[in-house]
Every structure is written in structure tokens, then in C-alpha cells.
Amino acid sequence: MIKVLYFAAVREQLGRQEEQIPAEGLQTVGDLLDRLREQGAAHAEALAPERRVLVAVNQEYADANRPLADGDEVALFPPVTGG
């Protein structure tokens, strides 16, 4: 299983903090994002390719090509702004 954590606006839009996704068939972060988008309209909108969502795998920033393994923790969050 891949543990997916949602933060800030992504969490608010999905109405959940986390979920478990079966690791079978997931090779990369991009595969995971595609599977999440297939779960329904809220996921498709919150994680749409044109929306900027940052990803961390096991607390390290990652891109869509980052390999995944069973037991990984993936955090999804919008870019942080401030001043």
C-alpha cells in the first residue's frame, strides 16, 4: 500500500487527510497521480495536470518520474507562498 497524505487546499478540496492506495501497478509518482485522478471528479479537479501540486515521497521532494515502492508515503500539497 501507498499512504497518500493531503495538505492545505488539496485536503480541503478532497475532504480527507489521507488514504491508502494499493501499490500494484504503480511504478512512479505519475502513475499514482493518474490513479488518483481516476477516483472521481474531486480528485480529478484537485490533482489536474494544469494545477500545480508539489509531491514528496518519504519526506523528500519528488517529480512524476520518481519510482514508488510498496510502503512509501506520498504527500501532495500546493506550493507555499508567503512574504
Foldseek 3Di string as FASTA:
>chain_A
DEKEAEDDPLCVLVVHGIDDDDCPPAFWQLSVLVVQLVPDDSSCVSSPPVADKWKDKQNHTDDRGHTDDPPIYMYIYHDDDDD
